[in-house]
C-alpha atoms as a PDB file:
ATOM      1  CA  MET A   1    -169.397 -70.588 -46.869  1.00  0.00           C
ATOM      2  CA  VAL A   2    -167.965 -72.486 -49.834  1.00  0.00           C
ATOM      3  CA  LEU A   3    -169.781 -70.237 -52.296  1.00  0.00           C
ATOM      4  CA  ALA A   4    -168.440 -67.174 -50.489  1.00  0.00           C
ATOM      5  CA  LEU A   5    -164.873 -68.498 -50.739  1.00  0.00           C
ATOM      6  CA  VAL A   6    -165.332 -69.246 -54.464  1.00  0.00           C
ATOM      7  CA  ALA A   7    -166.698 -65.732 -55.023  1.00  0.00           C
ATOM      8  CA  ILE A   8    -163.724 -64.212 -53.180  1.00  0.00           C
ATOM      9  CA  TRP A   9    -161.404 -66.374 -55.299  1.00  0.00           C
ATOM     10  CA  TYR A  10    -162.976 -65.059 -58.522  1.00  0.00           C
ATOM     11  CA  VAL A  11    -162.618 -61.477 -57.319  1.00  0.00           C
ATOM     12  CA  ALA A  12    -158.970 -62.097 -56.432  1.00  0.00           C
ATOM     13  CA  ALA A  13    -158.359 -63.711 -59.826  1.00  0.00           C
ATOM     14  CA  VAL A  14    -159.775 -60.657 -61.596  1.00  0.00           C
ATOM     15  CA  ALA A  15    -157.731 -58.271 -59.458  1.00  0.00           C
ATOM     16  CA  MET A  16    -154.444 -60.161 -59.857  1.00  0.00           C
ATOM     17  CA  ASN A  17    -154.807 -60.900 -63.579  1.00  0.00           C
ATOM     18  CA  TRP A  18    -156.201 -57.517 -64.652  1.00  0.00           C
ATOM     19  CA  SER A  19    -152.868 -55.817 -65.321  1.00  0.00           C
ATOM     20  CA  LEU A  20    -151.516 -58.931 -67.051  1.00  0.00           C
ATOM     21  CA  VAL A  21    -154.416 -59.096 -69.518  1.00  0.00           C
ATOM     22  CA  ARG A  22    -154.564 -55.333 -70.059  1.00  0.00           C
ATOM     23  CA  ASP A  23    -150.833 -55.163 -70.813  1.00  0.00           C
ATOM     24  CA  GLY A  24    -151.265 -57.999 -73.292  1.00  0.00           C
ATOM     25  CA  PHE A  25    -153.878 -56.034 -75.211  1.00  0.00           C
ATOM     26  CA  GLU A  26    -151.676 -52.932 -75.190  1.00  0.00           C
ATOM     27  CA  ARG A  27    -148.588 -54.798 -76.437  1.00  0.00           C
ATOM     28  CA  GLU A  28    -150.576 -56.167 -79.359  1.00  0.00           C
ATOM     29  CA  GLU A  29    -152.145 -52.722 -79.915  1.00  0.00           C
ATOM     30  CA  THR A  30    -155.566 -54.319 -79.875  1.00  0.00           C
ATOM     31  CA  PRO A  31    -158.583 -52.167 -78.947  1.00  0.00           C
ATOM     32  CA  TYR A  32    -160.257 -53.454 -75.805  1.00  0.00           C
ATOM     33  CA  THR A  33    -163.056 -52.715 -73.389  1.00  0.00           C
ATOM     34  CA  ILE A  34    -163.457 -53.406 -69.710  1.00  0.00           C
ATOM     35  CA  SER A  35    -165.558 -56.462 -70.541  1.00  0.00           C
ATOM     36  CA  ASP A  36    -162.755 -57.768 -72.779  1.00  0.00           C
ATOM     37  CA  VAL A  37    -160.221 -57.445 -69.966  1.00  0.00           C
ATOM     38  CA  LEU A  38    -162.664 -59.025 -67.514  1.00  0.00           C
ATOM     39  CA  ALA A  39    -163.217 -61.993 -69.812  1.00  0.00           C
ATOM     40  CA  GLY A  40    -159.472 -62.289 -70.339  1.00  0.00           C
ATOM     41  CA  THR A  41    -158.799 -62.573 -66.609  1.00  0.00           C
ATOM     42  CA  MET A  42    -161.029 -65.658 -66.577  1.00  0.00           C
ATOM     43  CA  GLU A  43    -159.300 -67.351 -69.523  1.00  0.00           C
ATOM     44  CA  ALA A  44    -155.665 -66.231 -69.321  1.00  0.00           C
ATOM     45  CA  GLU A  45    -153.228 -68.922 -70.452  1.00  0.00           C
ATOM     46  CA  ARG A  46    -150.691 -68.215 -67.713  1.00  0.00           C
ATOM     47  CA  PRO A  47    -152.579 -66.266 -65.052  1.00  0.00           C
ATOM     48  CA  LEU A  48    -151.052 -65.126 -61.791  1.00  0.00           C
ATOM     49  CA  LEU A  49    -154.062 -66.666 -60.046  1.00  0.00           C
ATOM     50  CA  PRO A  50    -156.180 -69.108 -62.070  1.00  0.00           C
ATOM     51  CA  ALA A  51    -159.933 -68.919 -61.740  1.00  0.00           C
ATOM     52  CA  PRO A  52    -161.600 -71.917 -60.026  1.00  0.00           C
ATOM     53  CA  HIS A  53    -163.170 -73.141 -63.274  1.00  0.00           C
ATOM     54  CA  GLN A  54    -159.741 -73.149 -64.981  1.00  0.00           C
ATOM     55  CA  ILE A  55    -158.295 -75.308 -62.184  1.00  0.00           C
ATOM     56  CA  ALA A  56    -161.279 -77.660 -62.262  1.00  0.00           C
ATOM     57  CA  THR A  57    -161.049 -78.017 -66.050  1.00  0.00           C
ATOM     58  CA  ALA A  58    -157.294 -78.703 -65.966  1.00  0.00           C
ATOM     59  CA  PHE A  59    -157.713 -81.188 -63.092  1.00  0.00           C
ATOM     60  CA  LEU A  60    -160.498 -83.136 -64.794  1.00  0.00           C
ATOM     61  CA  ASP A  61    -158.624 -83.120 -68.114  1.00  0.00           C
ATOM     62  CA  SER A  62    -155.446 -84.438 -66.448  1.00  0.00           C
ATOM     63  CA  VAL A  63    -157.394 -87.172 -64.652  1.00  0.00           C
ATOM     64  CA  PHE A  64    -159.835 -88.297 -67.341  1.00  0.00           C
ATOM     65  CA  GLY A  65    -158.202 -87.000 -70.528  1.00  0.00           C
ATOM     66  CA  TYR A  66    -155.314 -89.486 -70.570  1.00  0.00           C
ATOM     67  CA  PRO A  67    -154.824 -93.193 -69.792  1.00  0.00           C
ATOM     68  CA  PRO A  68    -154.163 -93.687 -66.051  1.00  0.00           C
ATOM     69  CA  LEU A  69    -150.512 -94.666 -66.584  1.00  0.00           C
ATOM     70  CA  ALA A  70    -149.721 -92.025 -69.207  1.00  0.00           C
ATOM     71  CA  PRO A  71    -146.942 -89.595 -68.188  1.00  0.00           C
ATOM     72  CA  ARG A  72    -149.328 -86.632 -68.514  1.00  0.00           C
ATOM     73  CA  SER A  73    -151.998 -88.201 -66.305  1.00  0.00           C
ATOM     74  CA  LEU A  74    -152.417 -86.872 -62.766  1.00  0.00           C
ATOM     75  CA  ILE A  75    -153.422 -90.385 -61.721  1.00  0.00           C
ATOM     76  CA  TYR A  76    -149.984 -91.647 -62.735  1.00  0.00           C
ATOM     77  CA  HIS A  77    -148.195 -88.863 -60.878  1.00  0.00           C
ATOM     78  CA  SER A  78    -150.433 -89.352 -57.838  1.00  0.00           C
ATOM     79  CA  LEU A  79    -149.630 -93.068 -57.763  1.00  0.00           C
ATOM     80  CA  VAL A  80    -145.897 -92.328 -57.837  1.00  0.00           C
ATOM     81  CA  THR A  81    -146.221 -89.964 -54.884  1.00  0.00           C
ATOM     82  CA  LEU A  82    -148.645 -92.302 -53.114  1.00  0.00           C
ATOM     83  CA  SER A  83    -146.150 -95.180 -53.182  1.00  0.00           C
ATOM     84  CA  ALA A  84    -143.502 -93.084 -51.402  1.00  0.00           C
ATOM     85  CA  THR A  85    -146.138 -91.716 -49.033  1.00  0.00           C
ATOM     86  CA  LEU A  86    -147.402 -95.115 -47.927  1.00  0.00           C
ATOM     87  CA  LEU A  87    -143.938 -96.638 -47.495  1.00  0.00           C
ATOM     88  CA  GLY A  88    -142.770 -93.620 -45.494  1.00  0.00           C
ATOM     89  CA  PHE A  89    -145.994 -93.683 -43.480  1.00  0.00           C
ATOM     90  CA  VAL A  90    -145.546 -97.334 -42.524  1.00  0.00           C
ATOM     91  CA  LEU A  91    -141.876 -96.822 -41.628  1.00  0.00           C
ATOM     92  CA  GLY A  92    -142.659 -93.690 -39.632  1.00  0.00           C
ATOM     93  CA  ALA A  93    -145.590 -95.309 -37.820  1.00  0.00           C
ATOM     94  CA  LEU A  94    -143.549 -98.350 -36.773  1.00  0.00           C
ATOM     95  CA  PHE A  95    -140.615 -96.201 -35.690  1.00  0.00           C
ATOM     96  CA  GLY A  96    -142.897 -93.851 -33.754  1.00  0.00           C
ATOM     97  CA  ILE A  97    -144.633 -96.669 -31.887  1.00  0.00           C
ATOM     98  CA  VAL A  98    -141.305 -98.303 -30.992  1.00  0.00           C
ATOM     99  CA  LEU A  99    -139.958 -94.987 -29.697  1.00  0.00           C
ATOM    100  CA  ALA A 100    -143.121 -94.486 -27.634  1.00  0.00           C
ATOM    101  CA  LEU A 101    -142.701 -97.935 -26.062  1.00  0.00           C
ATOM    102  CA  LEU A 102    -139.065 -97.228 -25.221  1.00  0.00           C
ATOM    103  CA  ILE A 103    -139.960 -93.878 -23.663  1.00  0.00           C
ATOM    104  CA  LEU A 104    -142.803 -95.489 -21.713  1.00  0.00           C
ATOM    105  CA  HIS A 105    -140.570 -98.120 -20.107  1.00  0.00           C
ATOM    106  CA  SER A 106    -137.526 -95.942 -19.446  1.00  0.00           C
ATOM    107  CA  ARG A 107    -137.591 -92.722 -17.470  1.00  0.00           C
ATOM    108  CA  VAL A 108    -134.041 -92.024 -18.642  1.00  0.00           C
ATOM    109  CA  LEU A 109    -135.097 -92.192 -22.292  1.00  0.00           C
ATOM    110  CA  GLU A 110    -138.104 -89.990 -21.586  1.00  0.00           C
ATOM    111  CA  ARG A 111    -135.864 -87.268 -20.186  1.00  0.00           C
ATOM    112  CA  SER A 112    -133.042 -87.638 -22.697  1.00  0.00           C
ATOM    113  CA  LEU A 113    -134.700 -88.733 -25.951  1.00  0.00           C
ATOM    114  CA  LEU A 114    -138.011 -86.856 -25.965  1.00  0.00           C
ATOM    115  CA  PRO A 115    -136.447 -83.354 -26.144  1.00  0.00           C
ATOM    116  CA  TRP A 116    -134.332 -84.430 -29.125  1.00  0.00           C
ATOM    117  CA  ILE A 117    -137.406 -85.871 -30.840  1.00  0.00           C
ATOM    118  CA  ILE A 118    -139.103 -82.492 -30.477  1.00  0.00           C
ATOM    119  CA  CYS A 119    -135.988 -80.634 -31.662  1.00  0.00           C
ATOM    120  CA  SER A 120    -135.788 -82.858 -34.746  1.00  0.00           C
ATOM    121  CA  GLN A 121    -138.909 -81.184 -36.120  1.00  0.00           C
ATOM    122  CA  MET A 122    -137.601 -77.641 -35.708  1.00  0.00           C
ATOM    123  CA  VAL A 123    -135.460 -77.737 -38.870  1.00  0.00           C
ATOM    124  CA  PRO A 124    -137.531 -77.076 -42.058  1.00  0.00           C
ATOM    125  CA  VAL A 125    -137.807 -80.156 -44.235  1.00  0.00           C
ATOM    126  CA  LEU A 126    -136.984 -78.050 -47.304  1.00  0.00           C
ATOM    127  CA  ALA A 127    -133.515 -77.550 -45.815  1.00  0.00           C
ATOM    128  CA  LEU A 128    -133.073 -81.203 -44.873  1.00  0.00           C
ATOM    129  CA  ALA A 129    -134.466 -82.846 -48.019  1.00  0.00           C
ATOM    130  CA  PRO A 130    -131.483 -82.032 -50.305  1.00  0.00           C
ATOM    131  CA  ILE A 131    -129.064 -83.233 -47.611  1.00  0.00           C
ATOM    132  CA  PHE A 132    -130.939 -86.508 -47.236  1.00  0.00           C
ATOM    133  CA  ILE A 133    -131.085 -87.014 -50.998  1.00  0.00           C
ATOM    134  CA  VAL A 134    -127.339 -86.366 -51.467  1.00  0.00           C
ATOM    135  CA  VAL A 135    -126.255 -88.532 -48.521  1.00  0.00           C
ATOM    136  CA  LEU A 136    -128.563 -91.421 -49.412  1.00  0.00           C
ATOM    137  CA  GLY A 137    -127.532 -91.157 -53.073  1.00  0.00           C
ATOM    138  CA  ALA A 138    -123.877 -91.441 -52.029  1.00  0.00           C
ATOM    139  CA  LEU A 139    -124.847 -94.629 -50.185  1.00  0.00           C
ATOM    140  CA  GLY A 140    -126.373 -96.014 -53.365  1.00  0.00           C
ATOM    141  CA  LEU A 141    -130.005 -95.438 -52.364  1.00  0.00           C
ATOM    142  CA  HIS A 142    -132.093 -93.945 -55.152  1.00  0.00           C
ATOM    143  CA  GLY A 143    -135.699 -93.833 -56.273  1.00  0.00           C
ATOM    144  CA  LEU A 144    -138.482 -94.633 -53.844  1.00  0.00           C
ATOM    145  CA  LEU A 145    -136.535 -95.218 -50.631  1.00  0.00           C
ATOM    146  CA  PRO A 146    -135.000 -91.724 -50.122  1.00  0.00           C
ATOM    147  CA  LYS A 147    -138.409 -90.097 -50.566  1.00  0.00           C
ATOM    148  CA  SER A 148    -139.944 -92.587 -48.147  1.00  0.00           C
ATOM    149  CA  ILE A 149    -137.253 -91.893 -45.542  1.00  0.00           C
ATOM    150  CA  ILE A 150    -138.022 -88.165 -45.693  1.00  0.00           C
ATOM    151  CA  SER A 151    -141.737 -88.943 -45.304  1.00  0.00           C
ATOM    152  CA  ALA A 152    -140.982 -91.221 -42.357  1.00  0.00           C
ATOM    153  CA  TYR A 153    -138.810 -88.519 -40.783  1.00  0.00           C
ATOM    154  CA  LEU A 154    -141.752 -86.131 -40.817  1.00  0.00           C
ATOM    155  CA  CYS A 155    -144.560 -88.466 -39.819  1.00  0.00           C
ATOM    156  CA  PHE A 156    -142.964 -90.384 -36.921  1.00  0.00           C
ATOM    157  CA  PHE A 157    -143.171 -87.338 -34.635  1.00  0.00           C
ATOM    158  CA  PRO A 158    -146.979 -87.047 -34.168  1.00  0.00           C
ATOM    159  CA  ILE A 159    -147.229 -90.813 -33.746  1.00  0.00           C
ATOM    160  CA  THR A 160    -144.513 -90.874 -31.086  1.00  0.00           C
ATOM    161  CA  ILE A 161    -146.073 -88.015 -29.120  1.00  0.00           C
ATOM    162  CA  GLY A 162    -149.598 -89.403 -29.487  1.00  0.00           C
ATOM    163  CA  MET A 163    -148.643 -92.924 -28.451  1.00  0.00           C
ATOM    164  CA  VAL A 164    -146.634 -91.722 -25.444  1.00  0.00           C
ATOM    165  CA  LYS A 165    -149.775 -89.913 -24.340  1.00  0.00           C
ATOM    166  CA  GLY A 166    -151.949 -92.914 -25.185  1.00  0.00           C
ATOM    167  CA  PHE A 167    -149.829 -95.491 -23.382  1.00  0.00           C
ATOM    168  CA  ALA A 168    -149.841 -93.269 -20.276  1.00  0.00           C
ATOM    169  CA  SER A 169    -153.612 -92.630 -20.435  1.00  0.00           C
ATOM    170  CA  PRO A 170    -154.893 -95.542 -18.252  1.00  0.00           C
ATOM    171  CA  ASP A 171    -156.120 -94.478 -14.833  1.00  0.00           C
ATOM    172  CA  PRO A 172    -153.726 -95.239 -11.926  1.00  0.00           C
ATOM    173  CA  LEU A 173    -156.488 -97.325 -10.321  1.00  0.00           C
ATOM    174  CA  GLN A 174    -156.613 -99.507 -13.422  1.00  0.00           C
ATOM    175  CA  LEU A 175    -152.855-100.022 -13.248  1.00  0.00           C
ATOM    176  CA  GLU A 176    -153.091-100.893  -9.547  1.00  0.00           C
ATOM    177  CA  LEU A 177    -155.825-103.391 -10.348  1.00  0.00           C
ATOM    178  CA  MET A 178    -153.616-105.076 -12.941  1.00  0.00           C
ATOM    179  CA  ARG A 179    -150.840-105.315 -10.357  1.00  0.00           C
ATOM    180  CA  THR A 180    -153.169-106.947  -7.834  1.00  0.00           C
ATOM    181  CA  TRP A 181    -153.877-109.574 -10.479  1.00  0.00           C
ATOM    182  CA  SER A 182    -150.105-110.151 -10.795  1.00  0.00           C
ATOM    183  CA  ALA A 183    -150.151-109.061 -14.427  1.00  0.00           C
ATOM    184  CA  THR A 184    -146.778-108.971 -16.152  1.00  0.00           C
ATOM    185  CA  PRO A 185    -145.616-105.778 -17.909  1.00  0.00           C
ATOM    186  CA  ARG A 186    -146.407-107.430 -21.244  1.00  0.00           C
ATOM    187  CA  GLN A 187    -149.940-108.244 -20.094  1.00  0.00           C
ATOM    188  CA  VAL A 188    -150.418-104.685 -18.829  1.00  0.00           C
ATOM    189  CA  LEU A 189    -149.289-103.419 -22.225  1.00  0.00           C
ATOM    190  CA  TRP A 190    -151.545-105.629 -24.333  1.00  0.00           C
ATOM    191  CA  LYS A 191    -154.581-105.794 -22.041  1.00  0.00           C
ATOM    192  CA  LEU A 192    -154.668-102.217 -20.757  1.00  0.00           C
ATOM    193  CA  ARG A 193    -152.249 -99.722 -22.278  1.00  0.00           C
ATOM    194  CA  TRP A 194    -152.633-100.716 -25.935  1.00  0.00           C
ATOM    195  CA  PRO A 195    -156.488-100.650 -25.991  1.00  0.00           C
ATOM    196  CA  ALA A 196    -156.427 -97.325 -24.113  1.00  0.00           C
ATOM    197  CA  SER A 197    -154.034 -95.848 -26.708  1.00  0.00           C
ATOM    198  CA  VAL A 198    -156.118 -96.765 -29.781  1.00  0.00           C
ATOM    199  CA  PRO A 199    -157.981 -93.399 -29.975  1.00  0.00           C
ATOM    200  CA  TYR A 200    -154.641 -91.573 -29.678  1.00  0.00           C
ATOM    201  CA  LEU A 201    -153.142 -93.859 -32.333  1.00  0.00           C
ATOM    202  CA  PHE A 202    -155.762 -93.111 -34.970  1.00  0.00           C
ATOM    203  CA  ALA A 203    -155.734 -89.387 -34.224  1.00  0.00           C
ATOM    204  CA  SER A 204    -151.955 -89.446 -34.711  1.00  0.00           C
ATOM    205  CA  LEU A 205    -152.202 -91.535 -37.880  1.00  0.00           C
ATOM    206  CA  LYS A 206    -154.554 -89.001 -39.483  1.00  0.00           C
ATOM    207  CA  VAL A 207    -152.054 -86.234 -38.862  1.00  0.00           C
ATOM    208  CA  ALA A 208    -149.088 -88.392 -39.847  1.00  0.00           C
ATOM    209  CA  VAL A 209    -150.462 -89.577 -43.191  1.00  0.00           C
ATOM    210  CA  SER A 210    -151.021 -86.021 -44.419  1.00  0.00           C
ATOM    211  CA  ILE A 211    -147.534 -85.023 -43.245  1.00  0.00           C
ATOM    212  CA  SER A 212    -146.127 -88.100 -44.966  1.00  0.00           C
ATOM    213  CA  LEU A 213    -147.702 -86.954 -48.238  1.00  0.00           C
ATOM    214  CA  ILE A 214    -146.154 -83.513 -47.817  1.00  0.00           C
ATOM    215  CA  GLY A 215    -142.786 -85.146 -47.164  1.00  0.00           C
ATOM    216  CA  ALA A 216    -143.035 -87.244 -50.326  1.00  0.00           C
ATOM    217  CA  ILE A 217    -143.907 -84.179 -52.422  1.00  0.00           C
ATOM    218  CA  VAL A 218    -141.115 -82.086 -50.911  1.00  0.00           C
ATOM    219  CA  ALA A 219    -138.640 -84.940 -51.449  1.00  0.00           C
ATOM    220  CA  GLU A 220    -139.428 -84.909 -55.174  1.00  0.00           C
ATOM    221  CA  LEU A 221    -138.475 -81.242 -55.553  1.00  0.00           C
ATOM    222  CA  PRO A 222    -134.652 -81.309 -55.032  1.00  0.00           C
ATOM    223  CA  THR A 223    -134.243 -84.503 -57.054  1.00  0.00           C
ATOM    224  CA  GLY A 224    -135.666 -83.028 -60.250  1.00  0.00           C
ATOM    225  CA  ALA A 225    -138.066 -85.971 -60.398  1.00  0.00           C
ATOM    226  CA  GLU A 226    -139.814 -86.667 -63.676  1.00  0.00           C
ATOM    227  CA  ALA A 227    -142.858 -88.268 -62.057  1.00  0.00           C
ATOM    228  CA  GLY A 228    -144.931 -87.459 -59.009  1.00  0.00           C
ATOM    229  CA  ILE A 229    -147.009 -84.546 -57.781  1.00  0.00           C
ATOM    230  CA  GLY A 230    -143.809 -82.755 -56.793  1.00  0.00           C
ATOM    231  CA  ALA A 231    -142.565 -83.119 -60.367  1.00  0.00           C
ATOM    232  CA  ARG A 232    -145.796 -81.568 -61.669  1.00  0.00           C
ATOM    233  CA  LEU A 233    -145.383 -78.655 -59.260  1.00  0.00           C
ATOM    234  CA  LEU A 234    -141.777 -78.239 -60.336  1.00  0.00           C
ATOM    235  CA  SER A 235    -142.508 -78.265 -64.071  1.00  0.00           C
ATOM    236  CA  GLY A 236    -145.443 -75.904 -63.592  1.00  0.00           C
ATOM    237  CA  SER A 237    -143.182 -73.508 -61.706  1.00  0.00           C
ATOM    238  CA  TYR A 238    -140.381 -73.740 -64.299  1.00  0.00           C
ATOM    239  CA  TYR A 239    -142.602 -72.988 -67.287  1.00  0.00           C
ATOM    240  CA  GLY A 240    -145.040 -70.611 -65.619  1.00  0.00           C
ATOM    241  CA  GLN A 241    -147.925 -73.072 -65.966  1.00  0.00           C
ATOM    242  CA  THR A 242    -149.846 -71.890 -62.939  1.00  0.00           C
ATOM    243  CA  VAL A 243    -152.995 -73.778 -63.906  1.00  0.00           C
ATOM    244  CA  GLN A 244    -151.009 -77.043 -63.986  1.00  0.00           C
ATOM    245  CA  LEU A 245    -149.450 -76.121 -60.648  1.00  0.00           C
ATOM    246  CA  TRP A 246    -152.806 -75.527 -58.999  1.00  0.00           C
ATOM    247  CA  SER A 247    -154.323 -78.699 -60.445  1.00  0.00           C
ATOM    248  CA  ALA A 248    -151.427 -80.654 -58.928  1.00  0.00           C
ATOM    249  CA  LEU A 249    -152.165 -78.997 -55.582  1.00  0.00           C
ATOM    250  CA  VAL A 250    -155.802 -80.067 -55.909  1.00  0.00           C
ATOM    251  CA  ALA A 251    -154.642 -83.626 -56.623  1.00  0.00           C
ATOM    252  CA  ALA A 252    -152.510 -83.546 -53.457  1.00  0.00           C
ATOM    253  CA  ALA A 253    -155.476 -82.288 -51.439  1.00  0.00           C
ATOM    254  CA  VAL A 254    -157.768 -84.986 -52.835  1.00  0.00           C
ATOM    255  CA  LEU A 255    -155.153 -87.662 -52.150  1.00  0.00           C
ATOM    256  CA  SER A 256    -154.626 -86.456 -48.582  1.00  0.00           C
ATOM    257  CA  SER A 257    -158.356 -86.303 -47.915  1.00  0.00           C
ATOM    258  CA  GLY A 258    -158.781 -89.824 -49.271  1.00  0.00           C
ATOM    259  CA  LEU A 259    -156.028 -91.218 -47.052  1.00  0.00           C
ATOM    260  CA  ILE A 260    -157.466 -89.516 -43.955  1.00  0.00           C
ATOM    261  CA  ALA A 261    -160.944 -90.826 -44.827  1.00  0.00           C
ATOM    262  CA  LEU A 262    -159.534 -94.347 -45.230  1.00  0.00           C
ATOM    263  CA  ILE A 263    -157.935 -94.186 -41.787  1.00  0.00           C
ATOM    264  CA  GLY A 264    -161.257 -92.930 -40.425  1.00  0.00           C
ATOM    265  CA  LEU A 265    -163.028 -95.973 -41.875  1.00  0.00           C
ATOM    266  CA  ILE A 266    -160.444 -98.293 -40.335  1.00  0.00           C
ATOM    267  CA  GLU A 267    -160.847 -96.467 -37.007  1.00  0.00           C
ATOM    268  CA  ARG A 268    -164.610 -97.057 -37.029  1.00  0.00           C
ATOM    269  CA  ALA A 269    -164.139-100.714 -37.942  1.00  0.00           C
ATOM    270  CA  VAL A 270    -161.640-101.193 -35.099  1.00  0.00           C
ATOM    271  CA  GLY A 271    -163.973 -99.341 -32.726  1.00  0.00           C
ATOM    272  CA  ARG A 272    -166.859-101.663 -33.584  1.00  0.00           C
ATOM    273  CA  ARG A 273    -164.536-104.641 -33.094  1.00  0.00           C
ATOM    274  CA  MET A 274    -163.594-103.325 -29.642  1.00  0.00           C
ATOM    275  CA  GLY A 275    -167.218-102.635 -28.764  1.00  0.00           C
ATOM    276  CA  VAL A 276    -166.892 -98.839 -28.959  1.00  0.00           C
ATOM    277  CA  HIS A 277    -169.906 -97.144 -30.549  1.00  0.00           C
END
């Protein structure tokens, strides 16, 4: 399957870059053959669609070709975006869990607050990000915090919905049993509802951490950031460096996959601790 996708990508790269390379030969009045144009589509400096080997080469060069903290290193830019991602993820997770607890214990909040929580995600973040940046900048908040707030705004939603479902997942018979033991609401929460919600929590965290990364990248775009994956995407778009743009996208994908894998490892460790195999 992967090889088929790579083959399709190469075919698409040839098709999309063919006219670009051919026109380049004609402008320079250089004789060319079909094989020359074909080879040019694989090595174009600013292709419409880079070939997979061009993206891999640019990615590896940006990661291993410079010191980790050099401004041209993808590791440096990934760390900048990662810091905003993790802070926004923590803020969003805490806010989402608190909202879920409030909704769980108040029928009024469930009916009044939950629809607004859902509506909050209907506005595209690309429209909201500049507003957030301007308003927070007017309040004297710059740098990491505005990006983290945008990440938190995106990632709290799946956690809230997942935890509401998780806290309500215990069987009614289990709740009745806790009442017969004269358990307090706090004991019901910690002894029954919270353990029952753990699978929902980790499923929500996996979704939320990838959304948090997207939020951090999007937040870097309207600020004209000089560092971060969003900054690499922006500079690649400005100067037509499509290979740089795609290598930054690969870095974002690798970073997201790593964060999801890390949460998966924590989930398995917690499961073993709870006796779940």
